[in-house]
């Protein structure tokens, strides 16, 4: 998967991409990654093919619960 992510980002940046690390960080409905690029950290969220129906209310509930547990902002 890291090779596919690296290829995708390199293509987006016209092969001027200096990615040093790609770390999968899970996700309920998407593939999420921590990317280190030019000594800065970024979050990349890629929608999975099975995530066609976006239940925004459920996602909002999950984010509120994670925030209450100090797991997210």
Protein backbone atom coordinates (compact mmCIF):
# COMPACT_ATOMS: atom_id res chain seq x y z
CA UNK A 1 0.00 0.00 0.00
CA UNK A 2 2.85 2.41 0.78
CA UNK A 3 4.12 2.11 -2.79
CA UNK A 4 0.68 2.97 -4.16
CA UNK A 5 0.39 5.98 -1.82
CA UNK A 6 3.88 7.15 -2.71
CA UNK A 7 3.12 6.82 -6.43
CA UNK A 8 -0.16 8.71 -6.03
CA UNK A 9 1.46 11.59 -4.13
CA UNK A 10 4.47 11.70 -6.43
CA UNK A 11 2.11 11.99 -9.38
CA UNK A 12 0.16 14.76 -7.64
CA UNK A 13 3.40 16.68 -6.96
CA UNK A 14 4.78 16.03 -10.48
CA UNK A 15 7.50 13.71 -9.12
CA UNK A 16 8.91 16.46 -6.88
CA UNK A 17 7.86 14.63 -3.74
CA UNK A 18 10.33 13.94 -0.92
CA UNK A 19 8.29 11.58 1.28
CA UNK A 20 10.43 10.07 4.01
CA UNK A 21 7.76 7.99 5.82
CA UNK A 22 4.24 6.71 5.25
CA UNK A 23 2.55 5.33 8.36
CA UNK A 24 -0.92 3.74 8.19
CA UNK A 25 -3.05 5.03 11.08
CA UNK A 26 -6.27 3.11 10.51
CA UNK A 27 -9.73 4.39 9.91
CA UNK A 28 -13.33 3.28 10.07
CA UNK A 29 -14.46 4.15 6.57
CA UNK A 30 -11.28 5.38 4.86
CA UNK A 31 -7.59 4.61 4.59
CA UNK A 32 -5.70 7.16 6.69
CA UNK A 33 -1.97 7.78 6.69
CA UNK A 34 0.58 9.98 8.44
CA UNK A 35 2.97 11.25 5.77
CA UNK A 36 6.31 12.87 6.56
CA UNK A 37 7.18 15.20 3.70
CA UNK A 38 10.08 17.67 3.76
CA UNK A 39 10.43 17.15 7.55
CA UNK A 40 6.75 18.04 8.18
CA UNK A 41 3.92 15.69 9.10
CA UNK A 42 0.67 15.55 7.15
CA UNK A 43 -2.53 13.54 7.31
CA UNK A 44 -3.77 11.87 4.13
CA UNK A 45 -7.29 10.45 3.96
CA UNK A 46 -8.21 8.24 1.02
CA UNK A 47 -11.79 7.16 0.58
CA UNK A 48 -12.10 3.40 0.29
CA UNK A 49 -14.09 1.92 -2.58
CA UNK A 50 -16.55 0.36 -0.13
CA UNK A 51 -17.33 3.76 1.39
CA UNK A 52 -19.90 4.84 -1.17
CA UNK A 53 -22.64 5.90 1.24
CA UNK A 54 -21.39 8.66 3.52
CA UNK A 55 -23.25 8.48 6.82
CA UNK A 56 -22.12 11.88 8.08
CA UNK A 57 -24.24 11.65 11.22
CA UNK A 58 -22.53 8.43 12.32
CA UNK A 59 -19.10 9.83 11.52
CA UNK A 60 -19.91 12.97 13.54
CA UNK A 61 -20.98 10.83 16.51
CA UNK A 62 -17.73 8.85 16.33
CA UNK A 63 -15.65 12.05 16.20
CA UNK A 64 -17.50 13.52 19.19
CA UNK A 65 -16.87 10.36 21.22
CA UNK A 66 -13.19 10.35 20.25
CA UNK A 67 -12.92 14.01 21.23
CA UNK A 68 -14.56 13.35 24.60
CA UNK A 69 -11.87 10.71 25.23
CA UNK A 70 -9.13 13.17 24.15
CA UNK A 71 -8.30 10.99 21.15
CA UNK A 72 -8.88 13.74 18.59
CA UNK A 73 -9.26 17.51 18.47
